[in-house]
Structures are given as C-alpha cells and as structure tokens.
PDB file of N, CA and C in Angstrom:
ATOM      1  N   UNK A   1      19.877  -9.342  11.597  1.00  0.00           N
ATOM      2  CA  UNK A   1      19.244 -10.105  10.545  1.00  0.00           C
ATOM      3  C   UNK A   1      20.253 -10.300   9.422  1.00  0.00           C
ATOM      4  N   UNK A   2      20.052 -11.368   8.704  1.00  0.00           N
ATOM      5  CA  UNK A   2      20.986 -11.699   7.646  1.00  0.00           C
ATOM      6  C   UNK A   2      20.212 -12.072   6.381  1.00  0.00           C
ATOM      7  N   UNK A   3      20.658 -11.563   5.236  1.00  0.00           N
ATOM      8  CA  UNK A   3      20.064 -11.917   3.949  1.00  0.00           C
ATOM      9  C   UNK A   3      20.650 -13.255   3.524  1.00  0.00           C
ATOM     10  N   UNK A   4      19.768 -14.169   3.083  1.00  0.00           N
ATOM     11  CA  UNK A   4      20.258 -15.477   2.630  1.00  0.00           C
ATOM     12  C   UNK A   4      19.614 -15.825   1.297  1.00  0.00           C
ATOM     13  N   UNK A   5      20.226 -16.765   0.591  1.00  0.00           N
ATOM     14  CA  UNK A   5      19.704 -17.202  -0.701  1.00  0.00           C
ATOM     15  C   UNK A   5      18.751 -18.366  -0.525  1.00  0.00           C
ATOM     16  N   UNK A   6      17.655 -18.316  -1.300  1.00  0.00           N
ATOM     17  CA  UNK A   6      16.717 -19.435  -1.340  1.00  0.00           C
ATOM     18  C   UNK A   6      16.275 -19.567  -2.791  1.00  0.00           C
ATOM     19  N   UNK A   7      16.838 -20.549  -3.495  1.00  0.00           N
ATOM     20  CA  UNK A   7      16.567 -20.688  -4.925  1.00  0.00           C
ATOM     21  C   UNK A   7      17.134 -19.493  -5.671  1.00  0.00           C
ATOM     22  N   UNK A   8      16.286 -18.839  -6.479  1.00  0.00           N
ATOM     23  CA  UNK A   8      16.711 -17.661  -7.238  1.00  0.00           C
ATOM     24  C   UNK A   8      16.371 -16.357  -6.527  1.00  0.00           C
ATOM     25  N   UNK A   9      16.028 -16.432  -5.252  1.00  0.00           N
ATOM     26  CA  UNK A   9      15.618 -15.245  -4.494  1.00  0.00           C
ATOM     27  C   UNK A   9      16.523 -15.026  -3.297  1.00  0.00           C
ATOM     28  N   UNK A  10      16.485 -13.800  -2.782  1.00  0.00           N
ATOM     29  CA  UNK A  10      17.140 -13.478  -1.522  1.00  0.00           C
ATOM     30  C   UNK A  10      16.048 -13.329  -0.472  1.00  0.00           C
ATOM     31  N   UNK A  11      16.296 -13.805   0.739  1.00  0.00           N
ATOM     32  CA  UNK A  11      15.290 -13.834   1.798  1.00  0.00           C
ATOM     33  C   UNK A  11      15.823 -13.135   3.037  1.00  0.00           C
ATOM     34  N   UNK A  12      14.956 -12.314   3.651  1.00  0.00           N
ATOM     35  CA  UNK A  12      15.266 -11.692   4.932  1.00  0.00           C
ATOM     36  C   UNK A  12      14.267 -12.247   5.937  1.00  0.00           C
ATOM     37  N   UNK A  13      14.753 -12.842   7.005  1.00  0.00           N
ATOM     38  CA  UNK A  13      13.878 -13.388   8.037  1.00  0.00           C
ATOM     39  C   UNK A  13      13.402 -12.257   8.936  1.00  0.00           C
ATOM     40  N   UNK A  14      12.086 -12.229   9.193  1.00  0.00           N
ATOM     41  CA  UNK A  14      11.500 -11.192  10.045  1.00  0.00           C
ATOM     42  C   UNK A  14      11.265 -11.788  11.429  1.00  0.00           C
ATOM     43  N   UNK A  15      11.830 -11.199  12.469  1.00  0.00           N
ATOM     44  CA  UNK A  15      11.628 -11.721  13.825  1.00  0.00           C
ATOM     45  C   UNK A  15      10.153 -11.666  14.238  1.00  0.00           C
ATOM     46  N   UNK A  16       9.690 -12.664  14.997  1.00  0.00           N
ATOM     47  CA  UNK A  16       8.305 -12.711  15.466  1.00  0.00           C
ATOM     48  C   UNK A  16       7.945 -11.502  16.309  1.00  0.00           C
ATOM     49  N   UNK A  17       8.921 -10.937  17.010  1.00  0.00           N
ATOM     50  CA  UNK A  17       8.637  -9.794  17.883  1.00  0.00           C
ATOM     51  C   UNK A  17       8.141  -8.573  17.102  1.00  0.00           C
ATOM     52  N   UNK A  18       8.296  -8.573  15.774  1.00  0.00           N
ATOM     53  CA  UNK A  18       7.783  -7.481  14.951  1.00  0.00           C
ATOM     54  C   UNK A  18       6.265  -7.554  14.819  1.00  0.00           C
ATOM     55  N   UNK A  19       5.679  -8.710  15.115  1.00  0.00           N
ATOM     56  CA  UNK A  19       4.226  -8.864  15.093  1.00  0.00           C
ATOM     57  C   UNK A  19       3.608  -8.906  13.704  1.00  0.00           C
ATOM     58  N   UNK A  20       4.365  -9.261  12.700  1.00  0.00           N
ATOM     59  CA  UNK A  20       3.837  -9.352  11.339  1.00  0.00           C
ATOM     60  C   UNK A  20       3.293 -10.758  11.130  1.00  0.00           C
ATOM     61  N   UNK A  21       2.055 -10.848  10.642  1.00  0.00           N
ATOM     62  CA  UNK A  21       1.417 -12.147  10.450  1.00  0.00           C
ATOM     63  C   UNK A  21       1.977 -12.846   9.216  1.00  0.00           C
ATOM     64  N   UNK A  22       2.075 -14.159   9.293  1.00  0.00           N
ATOM     65  CA  UNK A  22       2.516 -14.964   8.164  1.00  0.00           C
ATOM     66  C   UNK A  22       1.537 -14.784   7.010  1.00  0.00           C
ATOM     67  N   UNK A  23       2.044 -14.633   5.810  1.00  0.00           N
ATOM     68  CA  UNK A  23       1.193 -14.450   4.640  1.00  0.00           C
ATOM     69  C   UNK A  23       0.911 -12.994   4.304  1.00  0.00           C
ATOM     70  N   UNK A  24       1.403 -12.067   5.139  1.00  0.00           N
ATOM     71  CA  UNK A  24       1.202 -10.646   4.874  1.00  0.00           C
ATOM     72  C   UNK A  24       1.936 -10.266   3.588  1.00  0.00           C
ATOM     73  N   UNK A  25       1.224  -9.610   2.664  1.00  0.00           N
ATOM     74  CA  UNK A  25       1.855  -9.165   1.421  1.00  0.00           C
ATOM     75  C   UNK A  25       2.479  -7.794   1.638  1.00  0.00           C
ATOM     76  N   UNK A  26       3.688  -7.615   1.109  1.00  0.00           N
ATOM     77  CA  UNK A  26       4.404  -6.353   1.266  1.00  0.00           C
ATOM     78  C   UNK A  26       4.941  -5.880  -0.077  1.00  0.00           C
ATOM     79  N   UNK A  27       5.251  -4.590  -0.130  1.00  0.00           N
ATOM     80  CA  UNK A  27       5.903  -3.995  -1.290  1.00  0.00           C
ATOM     81  C   UNK A  27       7.303  -3.596  -0.839  1.00  0.00           C
ATOM     82  N   UNK A  28       8.312  -3.940  -1.631  1.00  0.00           N
ATOM     83  CA  UNK A  28       9.693  -3.591  -1.295  1.00  0.00           C
ATOM     84  C   UNK A  28      10.074  -2.294  -1.996  1.00  0.00           C
ATOM     85  N   UNK A  29      10.673  -1.370  -1.236  1.00  0.00           N
ATOM     86  CA  UNK A  29      11.127  -0.094  -1.780  1.00  0.00           C
ATOM     87  C   UNK A  29      12.616   0.035  -1.484  1.00  0.00           C
ATOM     88  N   UNK A  30      13.408   0.263  -2.533  1.00  0.00           N
ATOM     89  CA  UNK A  30      14.855   0.394  -2.360  1.00  0.00           C
ATOM     90  C   UNK A  30      15.225   1.868  -2.285  1.00  0.00           C
ATOM     91  N   UNK A  31      15.980   2.236  -1.248  1.00  0.00           N
ATOM     92  CA  UNK A  31      16.420   3.620  -1.069  1.00  0.00           C
ATOM     93  C   UNK A  31      17.682   3.910  -1.855  1.00  0.00           C
ATOM     94  N   UNK A  32      17.972   5.189  -2.047  1.00  0.00           N
ATOM     95  CA  UNK A  32      19.168   5.609  -2.794  1.00  0.00           C
ATOM     96  C   UNK A  32      20.454   5.180  -2.104  1.00  0.00           C
ATOM     97  N   UNK A  33      20.396   5.073  -0.776  1.00  0.00           N
ATOM     98  CA  UNK A  33      21.595   4.725  -0.010  1.00  0.00           C
ATOM     99  C   UNK A  33      21.799   3.218   0.139  1.00  0.00           C
ATOM    100  N   UNK A  34      21.004   2.414  -0.603  1.00  0.00           N
ATOM    101  CA  UNK A  34      21.125   0.964  -0.515  1.00  0.00           C
ATOM    102  C   UNK A  34      20.211   0.342   0.517  1.00  0.00           C
ATOM    103  N   UNK A  35      19.515   1.174   1.280  1.00  0.00           N
ATOM    104  CA  UNK A  35      18.568   0.649   2.269  1.00  0.00           C
ATOM    105  C   UNK A  35      17.332   0.110   1.552  1.00  0.00           C
ATOM    106  N   UNK A  36      16.563  -0.689   2.249  1.00  0.00           N
ATOM    107  CA  UNK A  36      15.299  -1.154   1.685  1.00  0.00           C
ATOM    108  C   UNK A  36      14.249  -1.190   2.779  1.00  0.00           C
ATOM    109  N   UNK A  37      13.019  -0.949   2.369  1.00  0.00           N
ATOM    110  CA  UNK A  37      11.896  -0.880   3.293  1.00  0.00           C
ATOM    111  C   UNK A  37      10.780  -1.758   2.769  1.00  0.00           C
ATOM    112  N   UNK A  38      10.160  -2.515   3.661  1.00  0.00           N
ATOM    113  CA  UNK A  38       8.996  -3.310   3.288  1.00  0.00           C
ATOM    114  C   UNK A  38       7.756  -2.623   3.831  1.00  0.00           C
ATOM    115  N   UNK A  39       6.791  -2.352   2.951  1.00  0.00           N
ATOM    116  CA  UNK A  39       5.556  -1.670   3.323  1.00  0.00           C
ATOM    117  C   UNK A  39       4.395  -2.629   3.096  1.00  0.00           C
ATOM    118  N   UNK A  40       3.514  -2.817   4.099  1.00  0.00           N
ATOM    119  CA  UNK A  40       2.362  -3.700   3.901  1.00  0.00           C
ATOM    120  C   UNK A  40       1.524  -3.238   2.711  1.00  0.00           C
ATOM    121  N   UNK A  41       1.156  -4.190   1.859  1.00  0.00           N
ATOM    122  CA  UNK A  41       0.362  -3.892   0.672  1.00  0.00           C
ATOM    123  C   UNK A  41      -1.079  -3.605   1.087  1.00  0.00           C
ATOM    124  N   UNK A  42      -1.634  -2.506   0.583  1.00  0.00           N
ATOM    125  CA  UNK A  42      -3.007  -2.132   0.912  1.00  0.00           C
ATOM    126  C   UNK A  42      -3.972  -2.723  -0.114  1.00  0.00           C
ATOM    127  N   UNK A  43      -5.216  -2.924   0.315  1.00  0.00           N
ATOM    128  CA  UNK A  43      -6.243  -3.386  -0.612  1.00  0.00           C
ATOM    129  C   UNK A  43      -6.584  -2.264  -1.580  1.00  0.00           C
ATOM    130  N   UNK A  44      -6.989  -2.633  -2.792  1.00  0.00           N
ATOM    131  CA  UNK A  44      -7.430  -1.663  -3.784  1.00  0.00           C
ATOM    132  C   UNK A  44      -8.813  -1.169  -3.383  1.00  0.00           C
ATOM    133  N   UNK A  45      -8.975   0.122  -3.065  1.00  0.00           N
ATOM    134  CA  UNK A  45     -10.278   0.614  -2.604  1.00  0.00           C
ATOM    135  C   UNK A  45     -11.361   0.520  -3.676  1.00  0.00           C
ATOM    136  N   UNK A  46     -10.975   0.433  -4.948  1.00  0.00           N
ATOM    137  CA  UNK A  46     -11.963   0.371  -6.021  1.00  0.00           C
ATOM    138  C   UNK A  46     -12.495  -1.041  -6.242  1.00  0.00           C
ATOM    139  N   UNK A  47     -11.827  -2.046  -5.683  1.00  0.00           N
ATOM    140  CA  UNK A  47     -12.319  -3.417  -5.796  1.00  0.00           C
ATOM    141  C   UNK A  47     -12.781  -3.968  -4.450  1.00  0.00           C
ATOM    142  N   UNK A  48     -12.632  -3.186  -3.384  1.00  0.00           N
ATOM    143  CA  UNK A  48     -13.024  -3.604  -2.037  1.00  0.00           C
ATOM    144  C   UNK A  48     -14.505  -3.302  -1.811  1.00  0.00           C
ATOM    145  N   UNK A  49     -15.299  -4.334  -1.557  1.00  0.00           N
ATOM    146  CA  UNK A  49     -16.741  -4.177  -1.363  1.00  0.00           C
ATOM    147  C   UNK A  49     -17.077  -3.372  -0.111  1.00  0.00           C
ATOM    148  N   UNK A  50     -16.148  -3.267   0.830  1.00  0.00           N
ATOM    149  CA  UNK A  50     -16.408  -2.561   2.082  1.00  0.00           C
ATOM    150  C   UNK A  50     -16.171  -1.055   1.996  1.00  0.00           C
ATOM    151  N   UNK A  51     -15.642  -0.582   0.873  1.00  0.00           N
ATOM    152  CA  UNK A  51     -15.381   0.847   0.706  1.00  0.00           C
ATOM    153  C   UNK A  51     -16.502   1.451  -0.133  1.00  0.00           C
ATOM    154  N   UNK A  52     -17.100   2.529   0.372  1.00  0.00           N
ATOM    155  CA  UNK A  52     -18.204   3.196  -0.323  1.00  0.00           C
ATOM    156  C   UNK A  52     -17.851   4.663  -0.516  1.00  0.00           C
ATOM    157  N   UNK A  53     -18.028   5.149  -1.735  1.00  0.00           N
ATOM    158  CA  UNK A  53     -17.684   6.527  -2.059  1.00  0.00           C
ATOM    159  C   UNK A  53     -18.904   7.446  -2.132  1.00  0.00           C
ATOM    160  N   UNK A  54     -20.108   6.907  -1.951  1.00  0.00           N
ATOM    161  CA  UNK A  54     -21.322   7.705  -2.108  1.00  0.00           C
ATOM    162  C   UNK A  54     -21.359   8.909  -1.175  1.00  0.00           C
ATOM    163  N   UNK A  55     -20.876   8.754   0.050  1.00  0.00           N
ATOM    164  CA  UNK A  55     -20.942   9.849   1.016  1.00  0.00           C
ATOM    165  C   UNK A  55     -20.184  11.090   0.544  1.00  0.00           C
ATOM    166  N   UNK A  56     -19.181  10.924  -0.309  1.00  0.00           N
ATOM    167  CA  UNK A  56     -18.421  12.071  -0.800  1.00  0.00           C
ATOM    168  C   UNK A  56     -19.242  12.951  -1.736  1.00  0.00           C
ATOM    169  N   UNK A  57     -20.204  12.379  -2.441  1.00  0.00           N
ATOM    170  CA  UNK A  57     -20.993  13.165  -3.386  1.00  0.00           C
ATOM    171  C   UNK A  57     -21.852  14.198  -2.672  1.00  0.00           C
ATOM    172  N   UNK A  58     -22.165  13.987  -1.397  1.00  0.00           N
ATOM    173  CA  UNK A  58     -22.965  14.946  -0.640  1.00  0.00           C
ATOM    174  C   UNK A  58     -22.194  16.233  -0.362  1.00  0.00           C
ATOM    175  N   UNK A  59     -20.887  16.178  -0.380  1.00  0.00           N
ATOM    176  CA  UNK A  59     -20.064  17.339  -0.065  1.00  0.00           C
ATOM    177  C   UNK A  59     -19.992  18.328  -1.223  1.00  0.00           C
ATOM    178  N   UNK A  60     -20.366  17.898  -2.422  1.00  0.00           N
ATOM    179  CA  UNK A  60     -20.255  18.745  -3.605  1.00  0.00           C
ATOM    180  C   UNK A  60     -21.643  19.074  -4.140  1.00  0.00           C
ATOM    181  N   UNK A  61     -21.805  20.308  -4.591  1.00  0.00           N
ATOM    182  CA  UNK A  61     -23.057  20.663  -5.235  1.00  0.00           C
ATOM    183  C   UNK A  61     -22.787  20.827  -6.730  1.00  0.00           C
ATOM    184  N   UNK A  62     -23.746  21.361  -7.461  1.00  0.00           N
ATOM    185  CA  UNK A  62     -23.603  21.473  -8.914  1.00  0.00           C
ATOM    186  C   UNK A  62     -23.009  22.802  -9.366  1.00  0.00           C
ATOM    187  N   UNK A  63     -22.429  23.569  -8.462  1.00  0.00           N
ATOM    188  CA  UNK A  63     -21.856  24.862  -8.825  1.00  0.00           C
ATOM    189  C   UNK A  63     -20.451  24.684  -9.387  1.00  0.00           C
ATOM    190  N   UNK A  64     -20.113  25.535 -10.332  1.00  0.00           N
ATOM    191  CA  UNK A  64     -18.762  25.511 -10.878  1.00  0.00           C
ATOM    192  C   UNK A  64     -17.834  26.270  -9.935  1.00  0.00           C
ATOM    193  N   UNK A  65     -16.550  26.016 -10.038  1.00  0.00           N
ATOM    194  CA  UNK A  65     -15.590  26.649  -9.133  1.00  0.00           C
ATOM    195  C   UNK A  65     -14.696  27.657  -9.829  1.00  0.00           C
ATOM    196  N   UNK A  66     -14.735  27.707 -11.136  1.00  0.00           N
ATOM    197  CA  UNK A  66     -13.840  28.616 -11.856  1.00  0.00           C
ATOM    198  C   UNK A  66     -14.443  29.048 -13.170  1.00  0.00           C
ATOM    199  N   UNK A  67     -13.681  28.855 -14.229  1.00  0.00           N
ATOM    200  CA  UNK A  67     -14.129  29.291 -15.551  1.00  0.00           C
ATOM    201  C   UNK A  67     -14.604  28.122 -16.406  1.00  0.00           C
ATOM    202  N   UNK A  68     -15.167  27.108 -15.784  1.00  0.00           N
ATOM    203  CA  UNK A  68     -15.620  25.949 -16.534  1.00  0.00           C
ATOM    204  C   UNK A  68     -16.760  26.325 -17.463  1.00  0.00           C
ATOM    205  N   UNK A  69     -16.767  25.707 -18.627  1.00  0.00           N
ATOM    206  CA  UNK A  69     -17.887  25.880 -19.551  1.00  0.00           C
ATOM    207  C   UNK A  69     -18.730  24.628 -19.490  1.00  0.00           C
ATOM    208  N   UNK A  70     -19.988  24.818 -19.220  1.00  0.00           N
ATOM    209  CA  UNK A  70     -20.876  23.659 -19.089  1.00  0.00           C
ATOM    210  C   UNK A  70     -21.862  23.646 -20.230  1.00  0.00           C
TER     211      UNK A  70
END
C-alpha cells in the first residue's frame, strides 16, 4: 500500500480483500514507532436506542459496600 496526497489530506487505499465496507468510520491511532492503526468507530452506547442499562440495576441491592455515609 502507498500513502498518497489528495488535496490537503493523505490517503491510504484499503484493499477490498480486507472486507471493510465503504463509508465505515474509523479512528486513527499513531504509534510511538511511527506506525498507525485504524480502529472502527463504535456507536455511543448512551445515545443508541438499542442499548438498555436497566438489567444492570437488578445486580445491585441497596446495601453499602464500605464506609459510606448515607
């Protein structure tokens, strides 16, 4: 693969054999050794309607765990 210029940006072409869909959002992370890694961007669980946190409340009761003052 080769880095090329496109306007004011640098572009790395991703081969189709990697199976990444067009339009996939990624986060770029630069390593100390000059390497870079692209990580698929995850949805924010707090704004995603399909994520529900209610089930976690069943795991906790109203007991304190240490020296909390209530």
